[in-house]
N, C-alpha and C. Protein backbone atom coordinates (compact mmCIF):
# COMPACT_ATOMS: atom_id res chain seq x y z
N MET A 1 28.37 -37.55 -92.67
CA MET A 1 28.86 -38.59 -91.81
C MET A 1 30.32 -38.95 -92.16
N MET A 2 30.64 -39.06 -93.43
CA MET A 2 32.00 -39.42 -93.83
C MET A 2 33.02 -38.40 -93.34
N ARG A 3 32.64 -37.12 -93.35
CA ARG A 3 33.54 -36.07 -92.86
C ARG A 3 33.92 -36.33 -91.40
N ASN A 4 32.93 -36.66 -90.58
CA ASN A 4 33.21 -36.92 -89.16
C ASN A 4 34.11 -38.14 -88.98
N ILE A 5 33.88 -39.17 -89.78
CA ILE A 5 34.72 -40.37 -89.70
C ILE A 5 36.16 -40.01 -90.08
N PHE A 6 36.33 -39.29 -91.19
CA PHE A 6 37.66 -38.93 -91.64
C PHE A 6 38.37 -38.00 -90.66
N LEU A 7 37.62 -37.10 -90.01
CA LEU A 7 38.23 -36.22 -89.02
C LEU A 7 38.77 -37.03 -87.84
N GLY A 8 38.09 -38.11 -87.48
CA GLY A 8 38.59 -39.01 -86.45
C GLY A 8 39.87 -39.68 -86.90
N PHE A 9 39.90 -40.15 -88.15
CA PHE A 9 41.11 -40.76 -88.70
C PHE A 9 42.27 -39.77 -88.68
N ILE A 10 41.99 -38.54 -89.04
CA ILE A 10 43.02 -37.50 -89.08
C ILE A 10 43.58 -37.27 -87.68
N ARG A 11 42.73 -37.20 -86.67
CA ARG A 11 43.20 -37.01 -85.29
C ARG A 11 44.13 -38.16 -84.88
N ILE A 12 43.74 -39.37 -85.20
CA ILE A 12 44.57 -40.53 -84.86
C ILE A 12 45.89 -40.46 -85.62
N HIS A 13 45.83 -40.08 -86.88
CA HIS A 13 47.05 -39.94 -87.69
C HIS A 13 47.99 -38.91 -87.08
N ILE A 14 47.44 -37.79 -86.63
CA ILE A 14 48.24 -36.75 -85.99
C ILE A 14 48.91 -37.29 -84.73
N LEU A 15 48.14 -37.96 -83.88
CA LEU A 15 48.70 -38.53 -82.66
C LEU A 15 49.80 -39.54 -82.98
N HIS A 16 49.56 -40.35 -84.01
CA HIS A 16 50.55 -41.35 -84.42
C HIS A 16 51.89 -40.69 -84.75
N HIS A 17 51.86 -39.65 -85.57
CA HIS A 17 53.10 -39.00 -85.99
C HIS A 17 53.72 -38.18 -84.86
N ALA A 18 52.88 -37.57 -84.03
CA ALA A 18 53.40 -36.80 -82.89
C ALA A 18 54.04 -37.73 -81.87
N ASN A 19 53.67 -39.00 -81.90
CA ASN A 19 54.29 -39.99 -81.02
C ASN A 19 55.68 -40.38 -81.52
N LYS A 20 55.90 -40.22 -82.82
CA LYS A 20 57.21 -40.56 -83.41
C LYS A 20 58.20 -39.41 -83.28
N GLY A 21 57.70 -38.19 -83.14
CA GLY A 21 58.56 -37.01 -83.03
C GLY A 21 57.74 -35.76 -83.22
N GLU A 22 58.41 -34.63 -83.14
CA GLU A 22 57.69 -33.37 -83.30
C GLU A 22 57.13 -33.23 -84.72
N ILE A 23 55.96 -32.64 -84.80
CA ILE A 23 55.33 -32.37 -86.09
C ILE A 23 54.97 -30.89 -86.16
N PHE A 24 54.76 -30.40 -87.37
CA PHE A 24 54.24 -29.04 -87.55
C PHE A 24 53.21 -29.08 -88.67
N GLY A 25 52.38 -28.06 -88.72
CA GLY A 25 51.20 -28.05 -89.57
C GLY A 25 51.43 -28.36 -91.04
N VAL A 26 52.36 -27.65 -91.68
CA VAL A 26 52.57 -27.84 -93.12
C VAL A 26 53.03 -29.27 -93.40
N TRP A 27 53.95 -29.78 -92.58
CA TRP A 27 54.41 -31.16 -92.76
C TRP A 27 53.24 -32.12 -92.60
N MET A 28 52.40 -31.89 -91.59
CA MET A 28 51.26 -32.79 -91.35
C MET A 28 50.28 -32.74 -92.50
N MET A 29 50.06 -31.57 -93.08
CA MET A 29 49.17 -31.46 -94.25
C MET A 29 49.71 -32.29 -95.41
N ASP A 30 51.03 -32.20 -95.64
CA ASP A 30 51.64 -32.98 -96.72
C ASP A 30 51.52 -34.47 -96.45
N GLU A 31 51.75 -34.87 -95.21
CA GLU A 31 51.64 -36.28 -94.82
C GLU A 31 50.22 -36.79 -95.04
N LEU A 32 49.25 -36.03 -94.60
CA LEU A 32 47.85 -36.43 -94.80
C LEU A 32 47.49 -36.49 -96.28
N ARG A 33 47.98 -35.54 -97.03
CA ARG A 33 47.73 -35.50 -98.48
C ARG A 33 48.29 -36.76 -99.15
N SER A 34 49.44 -37.25 -98.66
CA SER A 34 50.03 -38.45 -99.24
C SER A 34 49.18 -39.69 -99.00
N HIS A 35 48.25 -39.58 -98.07
CA HIS A 35 47.31 -40.68 -97.79
C HIS A 35 45.92 -40.41 -98.35
N GLY A 36 45.81 -39.39 -99.18
CA GLY A 36 44.56 -39.12 -99.86
C GLY A 36 43.60 -38.19 -99.14
N TYR A 37 44.04 -37.60 -98.03
CA TYR A 37 43.19 -36.63 -97.32
C TYR A 37 43.46 -35.24 -97.86
N SER A 38 42.42 -34.59 -98.32
CA SER A 38 42.53 -33.21 -98.77
C SER A 38 42.03 -32.34 -97.62
N ILE A 39 42.95 -31.71 -96.92
CA ILE A 39 42.60 -30.96 -95.72
C ILE A 39 43.18 -29.55 -95.83
N SER A 40 42.39 -28.58 -95.44
CA SER A 40 42.83 -27.19 -95.50
C SER A 40 43.42 -26.78 -94.16
N THR A 41 44.13 -25.66 -94.18
CA THR A 41 44.66 -25.13 -92.92
C THR A 41 43.53 -24.78 -91.97
N GLY A 42 42.40 -24.37 -92.53
CA GLY A 42 41.23 -24.02 -91.72
C GLY A 42 40.61 -25.21 -91.02
N THR A 43 40.97 -26.40 -91.43
CA THR A 43 40.53 -27.63 -90.76
C THR A 43 41.64 -28.17 -89.86
N LEU A 44 42.87 -28.20 -90.38
CA LEU A 44 43.97 -28.81 -89.63
C LEU A 44 44.31 -28.04 -88.35
N TYR A 45 44.48 -26.73 -88.45
CA TYR A 45 44.94 -25.98 -87.28
C TYR A 45 43.95 -26.01 -86.13
N PRO A 46 42.65 -25.91 -86.37
CA PRO A 46 41.73 -26.09 -85.23
C PRO A 46 41.82 -27.48 -84.59
N ILE A 47 42.10 -28.51 -85.39
CA ILE A 47 42.28 -29.86 -84.83
C ILE A 47 43.53 -29.88 -83.94
N LEU A 48 44.63 -29.34 -84.44
CA LEU A 48 45.86 -29.28 -83.63
C LEU A 48 45.63 -28.51 -82.34
N HIS A 49 44.96 -27.37 -82.45
CA HIS A 49 44.70 -26.55 -81.26
C HIS A 49 43.81 -27.28 -80.27
N SER A 50 42.81 -27.99 -80.76
CA SER A 50 41.91 -28.71 -79.84
C SER A 50 42.63 -29.88 -79.18
N LEU A 51 43.50 -30.57 -79.93
CA LEU A 51 44.28 -31.66 -79.33
C LEU A 51 45.22 -31.12 -78.26
N GLU A 52 45.75 -29.93 -78.49
CA GLU A 52 46.60 -29.30 -77.48
C GLU A 52 45.77 -28.87 -76.28
N LYS A 53 44.67 -28.20 -76.53
CA LYS A 53 43.80 -27.71 -75.46
C LYS A 53 43.31 -28.86 -74.58
N ASP A 54 43.02 -29.99 -75.20
CA ASP A 54 42.50 -31.15 -74.46
C ASP A 54 43.60 -31.98 -73.81
N GLY A 55 44.86 -31.58 -73.99
CA GLY A 55 45.96 -32.23 -73.30
C GLY A 55 46.57 -33.42 -74.02
N TYR A 56 46.26 -33.61 -75.30
CA TYR A 56 46.82 -34.73 -76.07
C TYR A 56 48.15 -34.37 -76.73
N LEU A 57 48.37 -33.08 -76.95
CA LEU A 57 49.61 -32.57 -77.55
C LEU A 57 50.14 -31.41 -76.72
N THR A 58 51.46 -31.22 -76.79
CA THR A 58 52.05 -29.99 -76.28
C THR A 58 52.61 -29.24 -77.48
N LYS A 59 52.80 -27.94 -77.31
CA LYS A 59 53.28 -27.10 -78.42
C LYS A 59 54.46 -26.26 -77.96
N ARG A 60 55.40 -26.10 -78.87
CA ARG A 60 56.47 -25.12 -78.65
C ARG A 60 56.62 -24.30 -79.93
N ASP A 61 56.99 -23.06 -79.77
CA ASP A 61 57.18 -22.16 -80.91
C ASP A 61 58.66 -22.02 -81.21
N GLU A 62 58.97 -21.92 -82.50
CA GLU A 62 60.35 -21.69 -82.94
C GLU A 62 60.30 -20.81 -84.18
N VAL A 63 61.20 -19.86 -84.25
CA VAL A 63 61.27 -18.99 -85.42
C VAL A 63 62.07 -19.70 -86.51
N ALA A 64 61.45 -19.82 -87.69
CA ALA A 64 62.09 -20.43 -88.86
C ALA A 64 61.84 -19.52 -90.05
N ASP A 65 62.90 -19.05 -90.67
CA ASP A 65 62.80 -18.15 -91.82
C ASP A 65 61.95 -16.93 -91.50
N GLY A 66 62.11 -16.39 -90.30
CA GLY A 66 61.39 -15.19 -89.90
C GLY A 66 59.94 -15.42 -89.51
N LYS A 67 59.49 -16.66 -89.51
CA LYS A 67 58.11 -16.98 -89.14
C LYS A 67 58.12 -17.88 -87.91
N VAL A 68 57.10 -17.74 -87.10
CA VAL A 68 56.97 -18.61 -85.93
C VAL A 68 56.32 -19.91 -86.38
N ARG A 69 57.03 -21.01 -86.17
CA ARG A 69 56.50 -22.34 -86.48
C ARG A 69 56.15 -23.02 -85.17
N LYS A 70 54.97 -23.61 -85.13
CA LYS A 70 54.51 -24.31 -83.94
C LYS A 70 54.80 -25.81 -84.11
N TYR A 71 55.55 -26.35 -83.18
CA TYR A 71 55.88 -27.76 -83.19
C TYR A 71 55.06 -28.47 -82.11
N TYR A 72 54.50 -29.60 -82.48
CA TYR A 72 53.65 -30.36 -81.57
C TYR A 72 54.28 -31.71 -81.26
N ARG A 73 54.09 -32.14 -80.01
CA ARG A 73 54.56 -33.45 -79.56
C ARG A 73 53.44 -34.06 -78.71
N ILE A 74 53.36 -35.36 -78.72
CA ILE A 74 52.32 -36.06 -77.98
C ILE A 74 52.62 -36.01 -76.47
N THR A 75 51.56 -36.04 -75.67
CA THR A 75 51.68 -36.09 -74.21
C THR A 75 51.38 -37.52 -73.74
N GLU A 76 51.53 -37.75 -72.46
CA GLU A 76 51.17 -39.06 -71.90
C GLU A 76 49.69 -39.36 -72.13
N LYS A 77 48.86 -38.35 -71.97
CA LYS A 77 47.43 -38.50 -72.24
C LYS A 77 47.20 -38.87 -73.70
N GLY A 78 47.95 -38.25 -74.59
CA GLY A 78 47.85 -38.55 -76.00
C GLY A 78 48.29 -39.96 -76.32
N ILE A 79 49.36 -40.41 -75.67
CA ILE A 79 49.85 -41.78 -75.89
C ILE A 79 48.79 -42.79 -75.44
N THR A 80 48.20 -42.53 -74.28
CA THR A 80 47.14 -43.43 -73.79
C THR A 80 45.97 -43.46 -74.76
N ALA A 81 45.56 -42.30 -75.25
CA ALA A 81 44.44 -42.25 -76.20
C ALA A 81 44.79 -42.96 -77.50
N LEU A 82 46.02 -42.79 -77.97
CA LEU A 82 46.46 -43.44 -79.20
C LEU A 82 46.45 -44.95 -79.03
N GLU A 83 46.95 -45.45 -77.92
CA GLU A 83 46.97 -46.89 -77.68
C GLU A 83 45.55 -47.45 -77.61
N GLU A 84 44.64 -46.73 -76.97
CA GLU A 84 43.24 -47.17 -76.92
C GLU A 84 42.62 -47.18 -78.32
N ALA A 85 42.93 -46.14 -79.10
CA ALA A 85 42.40 -46.06 -80.47
C ALA A 85 42.93 -47.21 -81.32
N LYS A 86 44.21 -47.53 -81.15
CA LYS A 86 44.80 -48.63 -81.93
C LYS A 86 44.12 -49.96 -81.63
N LYS A 87 43.80 -50.19 -80.37
CA LYS A 87 43.08 -51.41 -80.00
C LYS A 87 41.71 -51.45 -80.66
N LYS A 88 41.01 -50.33 -80.62
CA LYS A 88 39.66 -50.26 -81.22
C LYS A 88 39.74 -50.42 -82.74
N ILE A 89 40.74 -49.82 -83.34
CA ILE A 89 40.92 -49.94 -84.80
C ILE A 89 41.18 -51.40 -85.16
N ARG A 90 42.08 -52.06 -84.44
CA ARG A 90 42.40 -53.46 -84.71
C ARG A 90 41.15 -54.32 -84.58
N GLU A 91 40.39 -54.10 -83.52
CA GLU A 91 39.15 -54.86 -83.31
C GLU A 91 38.17 -54.65 -84.46
N LEU A 92 38.01 -53.40 -84.88
CA LEU A 92 37.09 -53.09 -85.98
C LEU A 92 37.56 -53.70 -87.28
N VAL A 93 38.85 -53.57 -87.59
CA VAL A 93 39.40 -54.13 -88.83
C VAL A 93 39.21 -55.64 -88.83
N ASP A 94 39.53 -56.27 -87.71
CA ASP A 94 39.37 -57.73 -87.63
C ASP A 94 37.91 -58.14 -87.85
N GLU A 95 36.99 -57.33 -87.39
CA GLU A 95 35.57 -57.67 -87.53
C GLU A 95 35.04 -57.42 -88.94
N ILE A 96 35.37 -56.27 -89.51
CA ILE A 96 34.74 -55.93 -90.80
C ILE A 96 35.49 -56.45 -92.02
N MET A 97 36.75 -56.84 -91.85
CA MET A 97 37.54 -57.27 -93.00
C MET A 97 37.56 -58.80 -93.14
N VAL A 98 36.68 -59.47 -92.46
CA VAL A 98 36.62 -60.94 -92.54
C VAL A 98 35.81 -61.36 -93.73
């Protein structure tokens, strides 16, 4: 159960940062790690791909140091989902942290 909860937190975290600017996988892994999430590429990249497939993120490719790096940015659908999630998070925090 905790894994599913944390995967939801990770998705919201990704949308949050993609709303601030473009993100890429390795940077996002480091960012999540700084918040105590230990996540592998085998977990992160399928999440990024599913968020893109579902229309929450867009992706562009760029060659960096001879490798193709995928950059992700939030979509309007992603912004709407993030705003809804923030409202639900605030409501939950207000309820359980009293």
